[in-house]
């Protein structure tokens, strides 16, 4: 049980590190001429500027969700998963 918990925490750490590092790289490379493609992103979801609203007279619920992924994040997440597989074999 403890081994699974350690592996799950390590997996989440590597995944989060890949996402954050990819975001930083994309922001840094957005103005660089030959590395600007790393900042290319795609957004999917319900726009938070115009969310879906459920009005139940007593209260209103607003639903909005946007997922934005860029090229640098994809590369960094793949690299993080490879690093996870190489480093966490003994856990």
PDB file of N, CA and C in Angstrom:
ATOM      1  N   UNK A   1       0.817  -1.191   0.000  1.00  0.00           N
ATOM      2  CA  UNK A   1       0.000   0.000   0.000  1.00  0.00           C
ATOM      3  C   UNK A   1       0.862   1.257   0.000  1.00  0.00           C
ATOM      4  N   UNK A   2       1.915   1.249   0.803  1.00  0.00           N
ATOM      5  CA  UNK A   2       2.785   2.417   0.907  1.00  0.00           C
ATOM      6  C   UNK A   2       3.555   2.643  -0.391  1.00  0.00           C
ATOM      7  N   UNK A   3       3.913   1.553  -1.077  1.00  0.00           N
ATOM      8  CA  UNK A   3       4.628   1.682  -2.350  1.00  0.00           C
ATOM      9  C   UNK A   3       3.750   2.348  -3.403  1.00  0.00           C
ATOM     10  N   UNK A   4       2.481   1.970  -3.461  1.00  0.00           N
ATOM     11  CA  UNK A   4       1.566   2.589  -4.421  1.00  0.00           C
ATOM     12  C   UNK A   4       1.384   4.069  -4.145  1.00  0.00           C
ATOM     13  N   UNK A   5       1.326   4.449  -2.870  1.00  0.00           N
ATOM     14  CA  UNK A   5       1.187   5.849  -2.501  1.00  0.00           C
ATOM     15  C   UNK A   5       2.413   6.640  -2.948  1.00  0.00           C
ATOM     16  N   UNK A   6       3.603   6.091  -2.717  1.00  0.00           N
ATOM     17  CA  UNK A   6       4.840   6.762  -3.134  1.00  0.00           C
ATOM     18  C   UNK A   6       4.903   6.903  -4.651  1.00  0.00           C
ATOM     19  N   UNK A   7       4.517   5.855  -5.357  1.00  0.00           N
ATOM     20  CA  UNK A   7       4.530   5.914  -6.828  1.00  0.00           C
ATOM     21  C   UNK A   7       3.526   6.940  -7.348  1.00  0.00           C
ATOM     22  N   UNK A   8       2.353   7.011  -6.719  1.00  0.00           N
ATOM     23  CA  UNK A   8       1.347   7.974  -7.140  1.00  0.00           C
ATOM     24  C   UNK A   8       1.810   9.396  -6.891  1.00  0.00           C
ATOM     25  N   UNK A   9       2.392   9.653  -5.734  1.00  0.00           N
ATOM     26  CA  UNK A   9       2.910  10.985  -5.427  1.00  0.00           C
ATOM     27  C   UNK A   9       4.037  11.351  -6.383  1.00  0.00           C
ATOM     28  N   UNK A  10       4.927  10.417  -6.668  1.00  0.00           N
ATOM     29  CA  UNK A  10       6.030  10.683  -7.603  1.00  0.00           C
ATOM     30  C   UNK A  10       5.489  10.949  -9.006  1.00  0.00           C
ATOM     31  N   UNK A  11       4.488  10.182  -9.430  1.00  0.00           N
ATOM     32  CA  UNK A  11       3.889  10.390 -10.745  1.00  0.00           C
ATOM     33  C   UNK A  11       3.257  11.774 -10.849  1.00  0.00           C
ATOM     34  N   UNK A  12       2.492  12.171  -9.831  1.00  0.00           N
ATOM     35  CA  UNK A  12       1.865  13.485  -9.841  1.00  0.00           C
ATOM     36  C   UNK A  12       2.911  14.603  -9.822  1.00  0.00           C
ATOM     37  N   UNK A  13       3.997  14.403  -9.079  1.00  0.00           N
ATOM     38  CA  UNK A  13       5.066  15.394  -9.050  1.00  0.00           C
ATOM     39  C   UNK A  13       5.690  15.563 -10.425  1.00  0.00           C
ATOM     40  N   UNK A  14       6.042  14.468 -11.071  1.00  0.00           N
ATOM     41  CA  UNK A  14       6.657  14.541 -12.392  1.00  0.00           C
ATOM     42  C   UNK A  14       5.692  15.146 -13.415  1.00  0.00           C
ATOM     43  N   UNK A  15       4.427  14.781 -13.338  1.00  0.00           N
ATOM     44  CA  UNK A  15       3.431  15.312 -14.263  1.00  0.00           C
ATOM     45  C   UNK A  15       3.259  16.822 -14.072  1.00  0.00           C
ATOM     46  N   UNK A  16       3.138  17.256 -12.835  1.00  0.00           N
ATOM     47  CA  UNK A  16       2.995  18.678 -12.548  1.00  0.00           C
ATOM     48  C   UNK A  16       4.254  19.449 -12.938  1.00  0.00           C
ATOM     49  N   UNK A  17       5.424  18.869 -12.682  1.00  0.00           N
ATOM     50  CA  UNK A  17       6.670  19.521 -13.054  1.00  0.00           C
ATOM     51  C   UNK A  17       6.760  19.693 -14.569  1.00  0.00           C
ATOM     52  N   UNK A  18       6.328  18.688 -15.321  1.00  0.00           N
ATOM     53  CA  UNK A  18       6.336  18.792 -16.781  1.00  0.00           C
ATOM     54  C   UNK A  18       5.393  19.866 -17.285  1.00  0.00           C
ATOM     55  N   UNK A  19       4.215  19.974 -16.667  1.00  0.00           N
ATOM     56  CA  UNK A  19       3.244  20.985 -17.088  1.00  0.00           C
ATOM     57  C   UNK A  19       3.756  22.384 -16.783  1.00  0.00           C
ATOM     58  N   UNK A  20       4.288  22.584 -15.570  1.00  0.00           N
ATOM     59  CA  UNK A  20       4.780  23.911 -15.181  1.00  0.00           C
ATOM     60  C   UNK A  20       6.001  24.303 -16.007  1.00  0.00           C
ATOM     61  N   UNK A  21       6.930  23.383 -16.187  1.00  0.00           N
ATOM     62  CA  UNK A  21       8.122  23.681 -16.979  1.00  0.00           C
ATOM     63  C   UNK A  21       7.757  23.974 -18.429  1.00  0.00           C
ATOM     64  N   UNK A  22       6.814  23.240 -18.979  1.00  0.00           N
ATOM     65  CA  UNK A  22       6.355  23.496 -20.343  1.00  0.00           C
ATOM     66  C   UNK A  22       5.718  24.863 -20.492  1.00  0.00           C
ATOM     67  N   UNK A  23       4.963  25.285 -19.484  1.00  0.00           N
ATOM     68  CA  UNK A  23       4.347  26.604 -19.522  1.00  0.00           C
ATOM     69  C   UNK A  23       5.401  27.700 -19.475  1.00  0.00           C
ATOM     70  N   UNK A  24       6.397  27.533 -18.621  1.00  0.00           N
ATOM     71  CA  UNK A  24       7.476  28.526 -18.520  1.00  0.00           C
ATOM     72  C   UNK A  24       8.257  28.600 -19.827  1.00  0.00           C
ATOM     73  N   UNK A  25       8.590  27.467 -20.398  1.00  0.00           N
ATOM     74  CA  UNK A  25       9.335  27.449 -21.661  1.00  0.00           C
ATOM     75  C   UNK A  25       8.530  28.104 -22.770  1.00  0.00           C
ATOM     76  N   UNK A  26       7.234  27.840 -22.827  1.00  0.00           N
ATOM     77  CA  UNK A  26       6.392  28.438 -23.864  1.00  0.00           C
ATOM     78  C   UNK A  26       6.330  29.953 -23.720  1.00  0.00           C
ATOM     79  N   UNK A  27       6.227  30.443 -22.495  1.00  0.00           N
ATOM     80  CA  UNK A  27       6.169  31.893 -22.288  1.00  0.00           C
ATOM     81  C   UNK A  27       7.487  32.554 -22.642  1.00  0.00           C
ATOM     82  N   UNK A  28       8.600  31.904 -22.318  1.00  0.00           N
ATOM     83  CA  UNK A  28       9.911  32.469 -22.616  1.00  0.00           C
ATOM     84  C   UNK A  28      10.164  32.465 -24.123  1.00  0.00           C
ATOM     85  N   UNK A  29       9.753  31.415 -24.806  1.00  0.00           N
ATOM     86  CA  UNK A  29      10.035  31.266 -26.230  1.00  0.00           C
ATOM     87  C   UNK A  29       8.995  31.912 -27.142  1.00  0.00           C
ATOM     88  N   UNK A  30       7.990  32.557 -26.597  1.00  0.00           N
ATOM     89  CA  UNK A  30       6.934  33.104 -27.448  1.00  0.00           C
ATOM     90  C   UNK A  30       7.422  34.215 -28.366  1.00  0.00           C
ATOM     91  N   UNK A  31       8.454  34.950 -27.983  1.00  0.00           N
ATOM     92  CA  UNK A  31       8.952  36.033 -28.822  1.00  0.00           C
ATOM     93  C   UNK A  31      10.197  35.680 -29.615  1.00  0.00           C
ATOM     94  N   UNK A  32      10.746  34.505 -29.412  1.00  0.00           N
ATOM     95  CA  UNK A  32      11.972  34.092 -30.095  1.00  0.00           C
ATOM     96  C   UNK A  32      11.614  33.604 -31.496  1.00  0.00           C
ATOM     97  N   UNK A  33      12.330  34.097 -32.526  1.00  0.00           N
ATOM     98  CA  UNK A  33      11.938  33.785 -33.909  1.00  0.00           C
ATOM     99  C   UNK A  33      11.840  32.291 -34.245  1.00  0.00           C
ATOM    100  N   UNK A  34      12.852  31.496 -33.940  1.00  0.00           N
ATOM    101  CA  UNK A  34      12.823  30.093 -34.367  1.00  0.00           C
ATOM    102  C   UNK A  34      12.247  29.154 -33.310  1.00  0.00           C
ATOM    103  N   UNK A  35      11.974  29.668 -32.121  1.00  0.00           N
ATOM    104  CA  UNK A  35      11.401  28.834 -31.072  1.00  0.00           C
ATOM    105  C   UNK A  35       9.964  29.227 -30.728  1.00  0.00           C
ATOM    106  N   UNK A  36       9.396  30.113 -31.509  1.00  0.00           N
ATOM    107  CA  UNK A  36       8.032  30.562 -31.260  1.00  0.00           C
ATOM    108  C   UNK A  36       6.994  29.467 -31.394  1.00  0.00           C
ATOM    109  N   UNK A  37       7.293  28.410 -32.143  1.00  0.00           N
ATOM    110  CA  UNK A  37       6.349  27.316 -32.322  1.00  0.00           C
ATOM    111  C   UNK A  37       6.085  26.580 -31.006  1.00  0.00           C
ATOM    112  N   UNK A  38       7.003  26.694 -30.040  1.00  0.00           N
ATOM    113  CA  UNK A  38       6.786  26.052 -28.747  1.00  0.00           C
ATOM    114  C   UNK A  38       5.628  26.692 -27.982  1.00  0.00           C
ATOM    115  N   UNK A  39       5.305  27.939 -28.310  1.00  0.00           N
ATOM    116  CA  UNK A  39       4.224  28.647 -27.626  1.00  0.00           C
ATOM    117  C   UNK A  39       2.877  28.449 -28.314  1.00  0.00           C
ATOM    118  N   UNK A  40       2.836  27.714 -29.419  1.00  0.00           N
ATOM    119  CA  UNK A  40       1.574  27.465 -30.101  1.00  0.00           C
ATOM    120  C   UNK A  40       0.660  26.678 -29.173  1.00  0.00           C
ATOM    121  N   UNK A  41      -0.532  27.213 -28.928  1.00  0.00           N
ATOM    122  CA  UNK A  41      -1.430  26.529 -28.004  1.00  0.00           C
ATOM    123  C   UNK A  41      -2.813  26.357 -28.602  1.00  0.00           C
ATOM    124  N   UNK A  42      -3.548  25.455 -27.991  1.00  0.00           N
ATOM    125  CA  UNK A  42      -4.912  25.161 -28.400  1.00  0.00           C
ATOM    126  C   UNK A  42      -5.759  25.103 -27.137  1.00  0.00           C
ATOM    127  N   UNK A  43      -6.897  25.786 -27.166  1.00  0.00           N
ATOM    128  CA  UNK A  43      -7.802  25.795 -26.021  1.00  0.00           C
ATOM    129  C   UNK A  43      -9.085  25.058 -26.378  1.00  0.00           C
ATOM    130  N   UNK A  44      -9.571  24.275 -25.427  1.00  0.00           N
ATOM    131  CA  UNK A  44     -10.784  23.495 -25.606  1.00  0.00           C
ATOM    132  C   UNK A  44     -11.646  23.688 -24.361  1.00  0.00           C
ATOM    133  N   UNK A  45     -12.940  23.792 -24.547  1.00  0.00           N
ATOM    134  CA  UNK A  45     -13.826  23.844 -23.398  1.00  0.00           C
ATOM    135  C   UNK A  45     -14.916  24.874 -23.541  1.00  0.00           C
ATOM    136  N   UNK A  46     -15.602  25.120 -22.441  1.00  0.00           N
ATOM    137  CA  UNK A  46     -16.641  26.137 -22.361  1.00  0.00           C
ATOM    138  C   UNK A  46     -15.957  27.410 -21.895  1.00  0.00           C
ATOM    139  N   UNK A  47     -16.041  28.454 -22.681  1.00  0.00           N
ATOM    140  CA  UNK A  47     -15.348  29.697 -22.374  1.00  0.00           C
ATOM    141  C   UNK A  47     -15.802  30.242 -21.031  1.00  0.00           C
ATOM    142  N   UNK A  48     -14.845  30.642 -20.204  1.00  0.00           N
ATOM    143  CA  UNK A  48     -15.186  31.178 -18.893  1.00  0.00           C
ATOM    144  C   UNK A  48     -15.689  32.608 -18.986  1.00  0.00           C
ATOM    145  N   UNK A  49     -15.499  33.265 -20.130  1.00  0.00           N
ATOM    146  CA  UNK A  49     -16.046  34.598 -20.322  1.00  0.00           C
ATOM    147  C   UNK A  49     -17.549  34.571 -20.534  1.00  0.00           C
ATOM    148  N   UNK A  50     -18.055  33.485 -21.123  1.00  0.00           N
ATOM    149  CA  UNK A  50     -19.496  33.306 -21.340  1.00  0.00           C
ATOM    150  C   UNK A  50     -19.874  31.896 -20.893  1.00  0.00           C
ATOM    151  N   UNK A  51     -19.918  31.677 -19.584  1.00  0.00           N
ATOM    152  CA  UNK A  51     -20.180  30.319 -19.093  1.00  0.00           C
ATOM    153  C   UNK A  51     -21.634  29.902 -19.292  1.00  0.00           C
ATOM    154  N   UNK A  52     -21.887  28.631 -19.176  1.00  0.00           N
ATOM    155  CA  UNK A  52     -23.246  28.099 -19.207  1.00  0.00           C
ATOM    156  C   UNK A  52     -23.860  28.385 -17.843  1.00  0.00           C
ATOM    157  N   UNK A  53     -25.013  29.034 -17.841  1.00  0.00           N
ATOM    158  CA  UNK A  53     -25.634  29.442 -16.584  1.00  0.00           C
ATOM    159  C   UNK A  53     -26.923  28.664 -16.371  1.00  0.00           C
ATOM    160  N   UNK A  54     -27.044  28.095 -15.193  1.00  0.00           N
ATOM    161  CA  UNK A  54     -28.254  27.393 -14.778  1.00  0.00           C
ATOM    162  C   UNK A  54     -28.927  28.256 -13.715  1.00  0.00           C
ATOM    163  N   UNK A  55     -30.056  28.850 -14.072  1.00  0.00           N
ATOM    164  CA  UNK A  55     -30.773  29.752 -13.169  1.00  0.00           C
ATOM    165  C   UNK A  55     -31.914  28.989 -12.507  1.00  0.00           C
ATOM    166  N   UNK A  56     -31.806  28.777 -11.207  1.00  0.00           N
ATOM    167  CA  UNK A  56     -32.827  28.056 -10.450  1.00  0.00           C
ATOM    168  C   UNK A  56     -33.587  28.989  -9.505  1.00  0.00           C
ATOM    169  N   UNK A  57     -33.674  30.232  -9.856  1.00  0.00           N
ATOM    170  CA  UNK A  57     -34.378  31.304  -9.152  1.00  0.00           C
ATOM    171  C   UNK A  57     -33.779  31.566  -7.761  1.00  0.00           C
ATOM    172  N   UNK A  58     -33.601  30.541  -6.969  1.00  0.00           N
ATOM    173  CA  UNK A  58     -33.022  30.721  -5.644  1.00  0.00           C
ATOM    174  C   UNK A  58     -31.519  30.975  -5.741  1.00  0.00           C
ATOM    175  N   UNK A  59     -30.870  30.286  -6.636  1.00  0.00           N
ATOM    176  CA  UNK A  59     -29.443  30.500  -6.868  1.00  0.00           C
ATOM    177  C   UNK A  59     -29.106  30.215  -8.323  1.00  0.00           C
ATOM    178  N   UNK A  60     -27.976  30.731  -8.747  1.00  0.00           N
ATOM    179  CA  UNK A  60     -27.497  30.523 -10.114  1.00  0.00           C
ATOM    180  C   UNK A  60     -26.198  29.740 -10.071  1.00  0.00           C
ATOM    181  N   UNK A  61     -26.086  28.805 -10.978  1.00  0.00           N
ATOM    182  CA  UNK A  61     -24.846  28.055 -11.147  1.00  0.00           C
ATOM    183  C   UNK A  61     -24.241  28.426 -12.489  1.00  0.00           C
ATOM    184  N   UNK A  62     -22.971  28.734 -12.482  1.00  0.00           N
ATOM    185  CA  UNK A  62     -22.272  29.045 -13.728  1.00  0.00           C
ATOM    186  C   UNK A  62     -21.202  27.991 -13.949  1.00  0.00           C
ATOM    187  N   UNK A  63     -21.246  27.361 -15.100  1.00  0.00           N
ATOM    188  CA  UNK A  63     -20.285  26.327 -15.448  1.00  0.00           C
ATOM    189  C   UNK A  63     -19.361  26.846 -16.536  1.00  0.00           C
ATOM    190  N   UNK A  64     -18.071  26.748 -16.296  1.00  0.00           N
ATOM    191  CA  UNK A  64     -17.091  27.130 -17.291  1.00  0.00           C
ATOM    192  C   UNK A  64     -15.822  26.327 -17.092  1.00  0.00           C
ATOM    193  N   UNK A  65     -15.220  25.892 -18.162  1.00  0.00           N
ATOM    194  CA  UNK A  65     -14.005  25.081 -18.079  1.00  0.00           C
ATOM    195  C   UNK A  65     -13.210  25.292 -19.359  1.00  0.00           C
ATOM    196  N   UNK A  66     -11.951  25.625 -19.212  1.00  0.00           N
ATOM    197  CA  UNK A  66     -11.081  25.781 -20.379  1.00  0.00           C
ATOM    198  C   UNK A  66      -9.789  25.033 -20.130  1.00  0.00           C
ATOM    199  N   UNK A  67      -9.390  24.241 -21.083  1.00  0.00           N
ATOM    200  CA  UNK A  67      -8.125  23.519 -21.032  1.00  0.00           C
ATOM    201  C   UNK A  67      -7.257  24.042 -22.158  1.00  0.00           C
ATOM    202  N   UNK A  68      -6.103  24.555 -21.803  1.00  0.00           N
ATOM    203  CA  UNK A  68      -5.190  25.106 -22.792  1.00  0.00           C
ATOM    204  C   UNK A  68      -3.886  24.319 -22.751  1.00  0.00           C
ATOM    205  N   UNK A  69      -3.485  23.792 -23.889  1.00  0.00           N
ATOM    206  CA  UNK A  69      -2.273  22.983 -23.991  1.00  0.00           C
ATOM    207  C   UNK A  69      -1.402  23.578 -25.085  1.00  0.00           C
ATOM    208  N   UNK A  70      -0.095  23.693 -24.803  1.00  0.00           N
ATOM    209  CA  UNK A  70       0.809  24.178 -25.837  1.00  0.00           C
ATOM    210  C   UNK A  70       1.849  23.107 -26.170  1.00  0.00           C
ATOM    211  N   UNK A  71       2.606  23.369 -27.218  1.00  0.00           N
ATOM    212  CA  UNK A  71       3.569  22.381 -27.721  1.00  0.00           C
ATOM    213  C   UNK A  71       4.665  22.091 -26.702  1.00  0.00           C
ATOM    214  N   UNK A  72       5.136  23.103 -26.005  1.00  0.00           N
ATOM    215  CA  UNK A  72       6.196  22.906 -25.011  1.00  0.00           C
ATOM    216  C   UNK A  72       5.706  22.037 -23.851  1.00  0.00           C
ATOM    217  N   UNK A  73       4.449  22.186 -23.457  1.00  0.00           N
ATOM    218  CA  UNK A  73       3.901  21.353 -22.391  1.00  0.00           C
ATOM    219  C   UNK A  73       3.858  19.887 -22.805  1.00  0.00           C
ATOM    220  N   UNK A  74       3.458  19.630 -24.032  1.00  0.00           N
ATOM    221  CA  UNK A  74       3.396  18.246 -24.507  1.00  0.00           C
ATOM    222  C   UNK A  74       4.778  17.612 -24.475  1.00  0.00           C
ATOM    223  N   UNK A  75       5.783  18.334 -24.958  1.00  0.00           N
ATOM    224  CA  UNK A  75       7.154  17.821 -24.970  1.00  0.00           C
ATOM    225  C   UNK A  75       7.658  17.596 -23.549  1.00  0.00           C
ATOM    226  N   UNK A  76       7.394  18.555 -22.644  1.00  0.00           N
ATOM    227  CA  UNK A  76       7.880  18.434 -21.272  1.00  0.00           C
ATOM    228  C   UNK A  76       7.157  17.337 -20.502  1.00  0.00           C
ATOM    229  N   UNK A  77       5.884  17.133 -20.749  1.00  0.00           N
ATOM    230  CA  UNK A  77       5.159  16.061 -20.068  1.00  0.00           C
ATOM    231  C   UNK A  77       5.679  14.701 -20.536  1.00  0.00           C
ATOM    232  N   UNK A  78       5.945  14.559 -21.827  1.00  0.00           N
ATOM    233  CA  UNK A  78       6.527  13.298 -22.329  1.00  0.00           C
ATOM    234  C   UNK A  78       7.887  13.053 -21.700  1.00  0.00           C
ATOM    235  N   UNK A  79       8.718  14.100 -21.623  1.00  0.00           N
ATOM    236  CA  UNK A  79      10.034  13.961 -20.995  1.00  0.00           C
ATOM    237  C   UNK A  79       9.901  13.633 -19.507  1.00  0.00           C
ATOM    238  N   UNK A  80       8.924  14.228 -18.832  1.00  0.00           N
ATOM    239  CA  UNK A  80       8.716  13.954 -17.411  1.00  0.00           C
ATOM    240  C   UNK A  80       8.259  12.518 -17.190  1.00  0.00           C
ATOM    241  N   UNK A  81       7.416  11.997 -18.066  1.00  0.00           N
ATOM    242  CA  UNK A  81       6.980  10.605 -17.931  1.00  0.00           C
ATOM    243  C   UNK A  81       8.117   9.625 -18.191  1.00  0.00           C
ATOM    244  N   UNK A  82       8.983   9.956 -19.113  1.00  0.00           N
ATOM    245  CA  UNK A  82      10.162   9.121 -19.348  1.00  0.00           C
ATOM    246  C   UNK A  82      11.076   9.173 -18.137  1.00  0.00           C
ATOM    247  N   UNK A  83      11.277  10.360 -17.572  1.00  0.00           N
ATOM    248  CA  UNK A  83      12.103  10.483 -16.355  1.00  0.00           C
ATOM    249  C   UNK A  83      11.474   9.730 -15.182  1.00  0.00           C
ATOM    250  N   UNK A  84      10.162   9.772 -15.085  1.00  0.00           N
ATOM    251  CA  UNK A  84       9.463   9.016 -14.023  1.00  0.00           C
ATOM    252  C   UNK A  84       9.715   7.531 -14.169  1.00  0.00           C
ATOM    253  N   UNK A  85       9.602   7.020 -15.381  1.00  0.00           N
ATOM    254  CA  UNK A  85       9.830   5.582 -15.600  1.00  0.00           C
ATOM    255  C   UNK A  85      11.258   5.186 -15.272  1.00  0.00           C
ATOM    256  N   UNK A  86      12.208   6.054 -15.571  1.00  0.00           N
ATOM    257  CA  UNK A  86      13.615   5.717 -15.318  1.00  0.00           C
ATOM    258  C   UNK A  86      13.983   5.837 -13.847  1.00  0.00           C
ATOM    259  N   UNK A  87      13.398   6.797 -13.136  1.00  0.00           N
ATOM    260  CA  UNK A  87      13.796   7.033 -11.754  1.00  0.00           C
ATOM    261  C   UNK A  87      12.969   6.276 -10.726  1.00  0.00           C
ATOM    262  N   UNK A  88      11.766   5.908 -11.031  1.00  0.00           N
ATOM    263  CA  UNK A  88      10.869   5.315 -10.033  1.00  0.00           C
ATOM    264  C   UNK A  88      10.670   3.823 -10.228  1.00  0.00           C
ATOM    265  N   UNK A  89      11.622   3.143 -10.801  1.00  0.00           N
ATOM    266  CA  UNK A  89      11.468   1.701 -10.969  1.00  0.00           C
ATOM    267  C   UNK A  89      11.603   0.972  -9.626  1.00  0.00           C
ATOM    268  N   UNK A  90      12.391   1.523  -8.718  1.00  0.00           N
ATOM    269  CA  UNK A  90      12.631   0.856  -7.446  1.00  0.00           C
ATOM    270  C   UNK A  90      11.567   1.112  -6.396  1.00  0.00           C
ATOM    271  N   UNK A  91      10.659   2.028  -6.644  1.00  0.00           N
ATOM    272  CA  UNK A  91       9.635   2.331  -5.622  1.00  0.00           C
ATOM    273  C   UNK A  91       8.575   1.264  -5.557  1.00  0.00           C
TER     274      UNK A  91
END
